[in-house]
Amino acid sequence: MGFSPLGLVVSLAVLAPNLLMLAFPSRTPMPQARIPAPLAWLERAGQALCLVVPAITAAGELHGWWAVPAAAAVAIYWALWVRYLASDRRASALYRPLWRLPVPMAVLPVIAFAATAAWLSNWWIALAAGLLAAGHIPASVLTARAAN
């Protein structure tokens, strides 16, 4: 355990655009999907862990080239938030595919945290990213289906 400024930066970089929902809420109703309770709990646990774990666990040996996919995933994620704002804040824009990726706004944070785990040689972040993937991606797929 220990403070990791690099981990904190990644956590904040992924969290920050989500705060746009406070200032710029959706103008259309959010899609309603029935998410099984265990999946919802897994999703919330993954989200909480990915916010906290990167900042409170010390980095191991740095593998700098892994910062590239982490930064790319965050940059594309931010671009998708811009797409949401440009869509006149339609909720469906949050669940729209990107190329062949069905729920990019769920997958890209997982990629960012998994790449950060490799970058910082930190298996705790990898575990948090795995839990996020197991809960957030399937829950987002169910919500995306409800949006269509």
N, C-alpha and C. Protein backbone atom coordinates (compact mmCIF):
# COMPACT_ATOMS: atom_id res chain seq x y z
N MET A 1 0.84 -1.18 0.00
CA MET A 1 0.00 0.00 0.00
C MET A 1 0.89 1.24 0.00
N GLY A 2 0.35 2.30 -0.51
CA GLY A 2 1.06 3.56 -0.56
C GLY A 2 0.41 4.46 -1.59
N PHE A 3 0.65 5.72 -1.49
CA PHE A 3 0.05 6.68 -2.40
C PHE A 3 0.71 6.60 -3.78
N SER A 4 -0.10 6.66 -4.82
CA SER A 4 0.41 6.65 -6.19
C SER A 4 -0.16 7.86 -6.94
N PRO A 5 0.66 8.89 -7.16
CA PRO A 5 0.15 10.05 -7.91
C PRO A 5 -0.26 9.68 -9.33
N LEU A 6 0.45 8.76 -9.97
CA LEU A 6 0.08 8.36 -11.33
C LEU A 6 -1.27 7.65 -11.32
N GLY A 7 -1.49 6.78 -10.34
CA GLY A 7 -2.78 6.10 -10.22
C GLY A 7 -3.91 7.08 -9.96
N LEU A 8 -3.64 8.08 -9.11
CA LEU A 8 -4.65 9.09 -8.84
C LEU A 8 -5.02 9.86 -10.10
N VAL A 9 -4.03 10.20 -10.90
CA VAL A 9 -4.28 10.93 -12.15
C VAL A 9 -5.19 10.13 -13.07
N VAL A 10 -4.93 8.83 -13.20
CA VAL A 10 -5.76 8.00 -14.07
C VAL A 10 -7.19 7.92 -13.52
N SER A 11 -7.32 7.69 -12.23
CA SER A 11 -8.67 7.62 -11.63
C SER A 11 -9.44 8.92 -11.87
N LEU A 12 -8.79 10.04 -11.64
CA LEU A 12 -9.46 11.33 -11.85
C LEU A 12 -9.77 11.58 -13.32
N ALA A 13 -8.87 11.14 -14.20
CA ALA A 13 -9.08 11.34 -15.64
C ALA A 13 -10.30 10.57 -16.13
N VAL A 14 -10.54 9.39 -15.55
CA VAL A 14 -11.71 8.62 -15.94
C VAL A 14 -12.97 9.14 -15.25
N LEU A 15 -12.84 9.58 -14.02
CA LEU A 15 -14.01 10.08 -13.28
C LEU A 15 -14.46 11.46 -13.77
N ALA A 16 -13.54 12.33 -14.07
CA ALA A 16 -13.86 13.73 -14.36
C ALA A 16 -14.97 13.92 -15.39
N PRO A 17 -14.93 13.26 -16.55
CA PRO A 17 -16.00 13.52 -17.51
C PRO A 17 -17.38 13.07 -17.03
N ASN A 18 -17.42 12.11 -16.10
CA ASN A 18 -18.71 11.68 -15.56
C ASN A 18 -19.40 12.81 -14.80
N LEU A 19 -18.61 13.73 -14.30
CA LEU A 19 -19.18 14.87 -13.58
C LEU A 19 -19.96 15.80 -14.51
N LEU A 20 -19.77 15.64 -15.81
CA LEU A 20 -20.55 16.41 -16.78
C LEU A 20 -22.05 16.16 -16.61
N MET A 21 -22.40 14.97 -16.15
CA MET A 21 -23.82 14.64 -15.97
C MET A 21 -24.46 15.54 -14.91
N LEU A 22 -23.68 16.06 -13.99
CA LEU A 22 -24.22 16.98 -12.99
C LEU A 22 -24.56 18.33 -13.61
N ALA A 23 -23.65 18.84 -14.43
CA ALA A 23 -23.85 20.14 -15.05
C ALA A 23 -24.69 20.06 -16.33
N PHE A 24 -24.58 18.94 -17.03
CA PHE A 24 -25.26 18.77 -18.31
C PHE A 24 -26.03 17.45 -18.33
N PRO A 25 -27.10 17.34 -17.54
CA PRO A 25 -27.83 16.08 -17.50
C PRO A 25 -28.48 15.78 -18.86
N SER A 26 -28.80 14.54 -19.03
CA SER A 26 -29.44 14.11 -20.27
C SER A 26 -30.77 14.82 -20.45
N ARG A 27 -31.05 15.19 -21.69
CA ARG A 27 -32.35 15.83 -22.01
C ARG A 27 -33.42 14.80 -22.31
N THR A 28 -33.01 13.56 -22.45
CA THR A 28 -33.96 12.47 -22.69
C THR A 28 -33.84 11.49 -21.52
N PRO A 29 -34.88 10.70 -21.29
CA PRO A 29 -34.81 9.76 -20.17
C PRO A 29 -33.71 8.72 -20.38
N MET A 30 -33.05 8.38 -19.29
CA MET A 30 -32.04 7.32 -19.35
C MET A 30 -32.75 5.99 -19.61
N PRO A 31 -32.16 5.14 -20.43
CA PRO A 31 -32.77 3.84 -20.68
C PRO A 31 -32.88 3.04 -19.39
N GLN A 32 -33.98 2.35 -19.23
CA GLN A 32 -34.20 1.55 -18.03
C GLN A 32 -34.06 0.08 -18.41
N ALA A 33 -33.14 -0.58 -17.76
CA ALA A 33 -32.93 -2.01 -17.98
C ALA A 33 -32.99 -2.72 -16.64
N ARG A 34 -33.43 -3.95 -16.67
CA ARG A 34 -33.41 -4.75 -15.45
C ARG A 34 -32.03 -5.35 -15.32
N ILE A 35 -31.28 -4.86 -14.36
CA ILE A 35 -29.94 -5.35 -14.09
C ILE A 35 -30.04 -6.28 -12.87
N PRO A 36 -29.66 -7.54 -13.02
CA PRO A 36 -29.71 -8.44 -11.86
C PRO A 36 -28.89 -7.87 -10.70
N ALA A 37 -29.40 -8.02 -9.49
CA ALA A 37 -28.75 -7.44 -8.31
C ALA A 37 -27.28 -7.82 -8.17
N PRO A 38 -26.91 -9.09 -8.35
CA PRO A 38 -25.48 -9.41 -8.22
C PRO A 38 -24.61 -8.66 -9.25
N LEU A 39 -25.13 -8.49 -10.45
CA LEU A 39 -24.40 -7.76 -11.48
C LEU A 39 -24.29 -6.28 -11.12
N ALA A 40 -25.36 -5.71 -10.59
CA ALA A 40 -25.34 -4.31 -10.17
C ALA A 40 -24.34 -4.10 -9.04
N TRP A 41 -24.30 -5.02 -8.08
CA TRP A 41 -23.33 -4.91 -6.98
C TRP A 41 -21.91 -5.04 -7.49
N LEU A 42 -21.69 -5.97 -8.41
CA LEU A 42 -20.37 -6.17 -8.99
C LEU A 42 -19.92 -4.91 -9.74
N GLU A 43 -20.87 -4.32 -10.47
CA GLU A 43 -20.56 -3.08 -11.21
C GLU A 43 -20.16 -1.97 -10.24
N ARG A 44 -20.94 -1.76 -9.20
CA ARG A 44 -20.64 -0.69 -8.24
C ARG A 44 -19.32 -0.96 -7.52
N ALA A 45 -19.06 -2.20 -7.16
CA ALA A 45 -17.80 -2.53 -6.50
C ALA A 45 -16.62 -2.24 -7.43
N GLY A 46 -16.74 -2.62 -8.69
CA GLY A 46 -15.67 -2.35 -9.66
C GLY A 46 -15.45 -0.87 -9.85
N GLN A 47 -16.53 -0.10 -9.92
CA GLN A 47 -16.40 1.35 -10.08
C GLN A 47 -15.71 1.97 -8.87
N ALA A 48 -16.14 1.58 -7.67
CA ALA A 48 -15.53 2.14 -6.45
C ALA A 48 -14.06 1.75 -6.35
N LEU A 49 -13.76 0.51 -6.62
CA LEU A 49 -12.37 0.06 -6.53
C LEU A 49 -11.48 0.75 -7.56
N CYS A 50 -12.00 0.94 -8.77
CA CYS A 50 -11.19 1.60 -9.81
C CYS A 50 -10.98 3.08 -9.50
N LEU A 51 -11.84 3.66 -8.72
CA LEU A 51 -11.65 5.05 -8.31
C LEU A 51 -10.59 5.15 -7.22
N VAL A 52 -10.59 4.21 -6.28
CA VAL A 52 -9.74 4.31 -5.10
C VAL A 52 -8.42 3.56 -5.22
N VAL A 53 -8.46 2.32 -5.68
CA VAL A 53 -7.27 1.46 -5.66
C VAL A 53 -6.06 2.06 -6.39
N PRO A 54 -6.22 2.63 -7.59
CA PRO A 54 -5.03 3.17 -8.24
C PRO A 54 -4.31 4.25 -7.43
N ALA A 55 -5.05 4.99 -6.64
CA ALA A 55 -4.44 6.07 -5.85
C ALA A 55 -3.81 5.58 -4.55
N ILE A 56 -4.31 4.48 -3.99
CA ILE A 56 -3.83 4.07 -2.67
C ILE A 56 -2.88 2.88 -2.71
N THR A 57 -2.53 2.42 -3.90
CA THR A 57 -1.55 1.33 -3.99
C THR A 57 -0.34 1.82 -4.75
N ALA A 58 0.81 1.60 -4.15
CA ALA A 58 2.06 2.08 -4.73
C ALA A 58 2.38 1.34 -6.02
N ALA A 59 2.99 2.06 -6.93
CA ALA A 59 3.40 1.48 -8.20
C ALA A 59 4.62 0.58 -7.98
N GLY A 60 4.71 -0.42 -8.82
CA GLY A 60 5.91 -1.26 -8.85
C GLY A 60 6.84 -0.69 -9.91
N GLU A 61 7.50 -1.59 -10.61
CA GLU A 61 8.37 -1.16 -11.71
C GLU A 61 7.51 -0.57 -12.83
N LEU A 62 7.88 0.62 -13.29
CA LEU A 62 7.11 1.29 -14.35
C LEU A 62 7.47 0.71 -15.71
N HIS A 63 6.46 0.45 -16.49
CA HIS A 63 6.61 0.00 -17.88
C HIS A 63 5.96 1.09 -18.73
N GLY A 64 6.75 2.11 -19.04
CA GLY A 64 6.25 3.34 -19.64
C GLY A 64 5.43 3.19 -20.88
N TRP A 65 5.72 2.21 -21.72
CA TRP A 65 4.96 2.12 -22.96
C TRP A 65 3.50 1.77 -22.72
N TRP A 66 3.16 1.19 -21.56
CA TRP A 66 1.76 0.91 -21.23
C TRP A 66 0.97 2.18 -20.95
N ALA A 67 1.68 3.29 -20.73
CA ALA A 67 0.98 4.57 -20.55
C ALA A 67 0.28 4.99 -21.84
N VAL A 68 0.79 4.53 -22.98
CA VAL A 68 0.21 4.91 -24.28
C VAL A 68 -1.21 4.36 -24.44
N PRO A 69 -1.45 3.04 -24.27
CA PRO A 69 -2.85 2.59 -24.39
C PRO A 69 -3.75 3.14 -23.28
N ALA A 70 -3.19 3.37 -22.09
CA ALA A 70 -4.00 3.96 -21.03
C ALA A 70 -4.45 5.36 -21.42
N ALA A 71 -3.52 6.17 -21.92
CA ALA A 71 -3.85 7.54 -22.34
C ALA A 71 -4.78 7.54 -23.55
N ALA A 72 -4.57 6.62 -24.47
CA ALA A 72 -5.44 6.55 -25.66
C ALA A 72 -6.87 6.19 -25.24
N ALA A 73 -7.02 5.24 -24.33
CA ALA A 73 -8.36 4.86 -23.87
C ALA A 73 -9.05 6.03 -23.19
N VAL A 74 -8.32 6.77 -22.37
CA VAL A 74 -8.90 7.94 -21.70
C VAL A 74 -9.26 9.02 -22.72
N ALA A 75 -8.41 9.25 -23.69
CA ALA A 75 -8.68 10.28 -24.70
C ALA A 75 -9.92 9.94 -25.53
N ILE A 76 -10.05 8.68 -25.93
CA ILE A 76 -11.23 8.28 -26.70
C ILE A 76 -12.48 8.37 -25.82
N TYR A 77 -12.34 7.99 -24.56
CA TYR A 77 -13.45 8.09 -23.61
C TYR A 77 -13.92 9.54 -23.49
N TRP A 78 -12.98 10.46 -23.37
CA TRP A 78 -13.34 11.88 -23.31
C TRP A 78 -14.04 12.30 -24.61
N ALA A 79 -13.54 11.83 -25.74
CA ALA A 79 -14.15 12.18 -27.03
C ALA A 79 -15.60 11.68 -27.09
N LEU A 80 -15.88 10.55 -26.46
CA LEU A 80 -17.26 10.05 -26.44
C LEU A 80 -18.15 10.92 -25.56
N TRP A 81 -17.58 11.53 -24.54
CA TRP A 81 -18.35 12.49 -23.75
C TRP A 81 -18.65 13.74 -24.58
N VAL A 82 -17.72 14.13 -25.41
CA VAL A 82 -17.96 15.25 -26.33
C VAL A 82 -19.07 14.87 -27.29
N ARG A 83 -19.06 13.61 -27.78
CA ARG A 83 -20.13 13.12 -28.66
C ARG A 83 -21.48 13.24 -27.97
N TYR A 84 -21.54 12.89 -26.68
CA TYR A 84 -22.78 13.01 -25.90
C TYR A 84 -23.24 14.47 -25.87
N LEU A 85 -22.34 15.39 -25.57
CA LEU A 85 -22.71 16.81 -25.52
C LEU A 85 -23.15 17.30 -26.90
N ALA A 86 -22.47 16.86 -27.94
CA ALA A 86 -22.80 17.28 -29.32
C ALA A 86 -24.11 16.68 -29.80
N SER A 87 -24.57 15.60 -29.17
CA SER A 87 -25.83 14.96 -29.57
C SER A 87 -27.03 15.64 -28.92
N ASP A 88 -26.82 16.82 -28.39
CA ASP A 88 -27.86 17.53 -27.65
C ASP A 88 -28.23 16.78 -26.37
N ARG A 89 -27.23 16.10 -25.82
CA ARG A 89 -27.33 15.40 -24.53
C ARG A 89 -28.43 14.34 -24.52
N ARG A 90 -28.48 13.57 -25.59
CA ARG A 90 -29.41 12.44 -25.64
C ARG A 90 -28.79 11.26 -24.89
N ALA A 91 -29.56 10.65 -24.01
CA ALA A 91 -29.07 9.52 -23.22
C ALA A 91 -28.57 8.39 -24.11
N SER A 92 -29.22 8.19 -25.24
CA SER A 92 -28.82 7.10 -26.13
C SER A 92 -27.38 7.25 -26.62
N ALA A 93 -26.87 8.47 -26.67
CA ALA A 93 -25.49 8.70 -27.11
C ALA A 93 -24.48 8.07 -26.16
N LEU A 94 -24.87 7.90 -24.91
CA LEU A 94 -23.97 7.27 -23.94
C LEU A 94 -23.80 5.78 -24.18
N TYR A 95 -24.72 5.20 -24.94
CA TYR A 95 -24.71 3.75 -25.19
C TYR A 95 -24.53 3.41 -26.66
N ARG A 96 -24.25 4.40 -27.47
CA ARG A 96 -24.07 4.17 -28.91
C ARG A 96 -22.72 3.50 -29.18
N PRO A 97 -22.70 2.55 -30.10
CA PRO A 97 -21.43 1.87 -30.44
C PRO A 97 -20.42 2.82 -31.06
N LEU A 98 -19.19 2.40 -31.04
CA LEU A 98 -18.09 3.10 -31.71
C LEU A 98 -17.38 2.05 -32.55
N TRP A 99 -17.39 2.24 -33.83
CA TRP A 99 -16.86 1.24 -34.77
C TRP A 99 -17.56 -0.08 -34.47
N ARG A 100 -16.82 -1.11 -34.09
CA ARG A 100 -17.41 -2.42 -33.81
C ARG A 100 -17.56 -2.66 -32.31
N LEU A 101 -17.28 -1.66 -31.53
CA LEU A 101 -17.33 -1.77 -30.07
C LEU A 101 -18.75 -1.40 -29.60
N PRO A 102 -19.51 -2.36 -29.04
CA PRO A 102 -20.92 -2.10 -28.74
C PRO A 102 -21.17 -1.11 -27.60
N VAL A 103 -20.39 -1.13 -26.54
CA VAL A 103 -20.57 -0.20 -25.41
C VAL A 103 -19.22 0.42 -25.05
N PRO A 104 -18.74 1.32 -25.90
CA PRO A 104 -17.40 1.85 -25.69
C PRO A 104 -17.22 2.62 -24.40
N MET A 105 -18.28 3.25 -23.91
CA MET A 105 -18.13 4.03 -22.68
C MET A 105 -18.06 3.14 -21.44
N ALA A 106 -18.29 1.84 -21.61
CA ALA A 106 -18.06 0.88 -20.54
C ALA A 106 -16.72 0.18 -20.73
N VAL A 107 -16.36 -0.08 -21.97
CA VAL A 107 -15.14 -0.83 -22.26
C VAL A 107 -13.88 0.03 -22.09
N LEU A 108 -13.93 1.28 -22.51
CA LEU A 108 -12.73 2.12 -22.48
C LEU A 108 -12.18 2.37 -21.07
N PRO A 109 -13.02 2.60 -20.06
CA PRO A 109 -12.44 2.72 -18.71
C PRO A 109 -11.76 1.43 -18.25
N VAL A 110 -12.32 0.28 -18.63
CA VAL A 110 -11.70 -1.00 -18.28
C VAL A 110 -10.32 -1.09 -18.93
N ILE A 111 -10.24 -0.72 -20.21
CA ILE A 111 -8.96 -0.73 -20.91
C ILE A 111 -7.98 0.22 -20.24
N ALA A 112 -8.46 1.40 -19.88
CA ALA A 112 -7.59 2.39 -19.23
C ALA A 112 -7.02 1.86 -17.92
N PHE A 113 -7.87 1.23 -17.10
CA PHE A 113 -7.39 0.73 -15.81
C PHE A 113 -6.52 -0.52 -15.99
N ALA A 114 -6.86 -1.39 -16.93
CA ALA A 114 -6.03 -2.57 -17.17
C ALA A 114 -4.65 -2.15 -17.67
N ALA A 115 -4.60 -1.19 -18.58
CA ALA A 115 -3.30 -0.70 -19.07
C ALA A 115 -2.53 0.00 -17.95
N THR A 116 -3.24 0.70 -17.09
CA THR A 116 -2.59 1.35 -15.95
C THR A 116 -1.99 0.30 -15.01
N ALA A 117 -2.71 -0.81 -14.82
CA ALA A 117 -2.18 -1.89 -13.98
C ALA A 117 -0.86 -2.41 -14.55
N ALA A 118 -0.81 -2.58 -15.86
CA ALA A 118 0.43 -3.05 -16.50
C ALA A 118 1.52 -1.97 -16.42
N TRP A 119 1.13 -0.73 -16.66
CA TRP A 119 2.07 0.40 -16.63
C TRP A 119 2.74 0.52 -15.26
N LEU A 120 1.92 0.41 -14.20
CA LEU A 120 2.42 0.60 -12.84
C LEU A 120 2.81 -0.72 -12.16
N SER A 121 2.73 -1.82 -12.89
CA SER A 121 3.03 -3.16 -12.33
C SER A 121 2.27 -3.37 -11.02
N ASN A 122 0.97 -3.20 -11.09
CA ASN A 122 0.15 -3.25 -9.88
C ASN A 122 -1.02 -4.21 -10.09
N TRP A 123 -0.93 -5.38 -9.49
CA TRP A 123 -1.98 -6.37 -9.70
C TRP A 123 -3.28 -6.00 -8.98
N TRP A 124 -3.21 -5.12 -7.98
CA TRP A 124 -4.44 -4.66 -7.32
C TRP A 124 -5.32 -3.87 -8.29
N ILE A 125 -4.68 -3.04 -9.12
CA ILE A 125 -5.45 -2.29 -10.13
C ILE A 125 -6.01 -3.26 -11.17
N ALA A 126 -5.23 -4.27 -11.52
CA ALA A 126 -5.71 -5.27 -12.48
C ALA A 126 -6.95 -5.99 -11.93
N LEU A 127 -6.92 -6.31 -10.64
CA LEU A 127 -8.08 -6.95 -10.01
C LEU A 127 -9.29 -6.03 -10.04
N ALA A 128 -9.08 -4.76 -9.71
CA ALA A 128 -10.17 -3.78 -9.75
C ALA A 128 -10.72 -3.65 -11.17
N ALA A 129 -9.84 -3.62 -12.17
CA ALA A 129 -10.27 -3.52 -13.57
C ALA A 129 -11.06 -4.77 -13.98
N GLY A 130 -10.63 -5.92 -13.50
CA GLY A 130 -11.37 -7.16 -13.80
C GLY A 130 -12.76 -7.15 -13.22
N LEU A 131 -12.89 -6.67 -11.98
CA LEU A 131 -14.23 -6.56 -11.37
C LEU A 131 -15.08 -5.54 -12.11
N LEU A 132 -14.47 -4.44 -12.52
CA LEU A 132 -15.20 -3.44 -13.31
C LEU A 132 -15.69 -4.06 -14.62
N ALA A 133 -14.82 -4.79 -15.29
CA ALA A 133 -15.20 -5.42 -16.55
C ALA A 133 -16.35 -6.41 -16.35
N ALA A 134 -16.27 -7.20 -15.28
CA ALA A 134 -17.28 -8.23 -15.03
C ALA A 134 -18.65 -7.65 -14.73
N GLY A 135 -18.70 -6.47 -14.16
CA GLY A 135 -19.99 -5.87 -13.81
C GLY A 135 -20.45 -4.79 -14.77
N HIS A 136 -19.57 -3.86 -15.09
CA HIS A 136 -19.95 -2.67 -15.85
C HIS A 136 -20.27 -2.98 -17.31
N ILE A 137 -19.49 -3.84 -17.93
CA ILE A 137 -19.72 -4.12 -19.35
C ILE A 137 -21.06 -4.85 -19.56
N PRO A 138 -21.34 -5.95 -18.85
CA PRO A 138 -22.64 -6.60 -19.06
C PRO A 138 -23.82 -5.70 -18.69
N ALA A 139 -23.69 -4.92 -17.62
CA ALA A 139 -24.78 -4.01 -17.23
C ALA A 139 -25.01 -2.96 -18.32
N SER A 140 -23.93 -2.48 -18.91
CA SER A 140 -24.06 -1.50 -19.99
C SER A 140 -24.66 -2.10 -21.24
N VAL A 141 -24.33 -3.36 -21.53
CA VAL A 141 -24.93 -4.04 -22.68
C VAL A 141 -26.43 -4.15 -22.47
N LEU A 142 -26.85 -4.54 -21.28
CA LEU A 142 -28.30 -4.64 -20.99
C LEU A 142 -28.97 -3.27 -21.14
N THR A 143 -28.32 -2.21 -20.66
CA THR A 143 -28.90 -0.88 -20.77
C THR A 143 -28.93 -0.42 -22.22
N ALA A 144 -27.89 -0.72 -22.97
CA ALA A 144 -27.85 -0.34 -24.40
C ALA A 144 -28.97 -1.04 -25.16
N ARG A 145 -29.23 -2.29 -24.84
CA ARG A 145 -30.35 -3.01 -25.50
C ARG A 145 -31.68 -2.36 -25.16
N ALA A 146 -31.81 -1.88 -23.93
CA ALA A 146 -33.05 -1.21 -23.53
C ALA A 146 -33.21 0.13 -24.24
N ALA A 147 -32.09 0.73 -24.64
CA ALA A 147 -32.15 2.02 -25.34
C ALA A 147 -32.62 1.87 -26.78
N ASN A 148 -32.52 0.68 -27.33
CA ASN A 148 -32.91 0.47 -28.73
C ASN A 148 -34.31 -0.01 -28.88
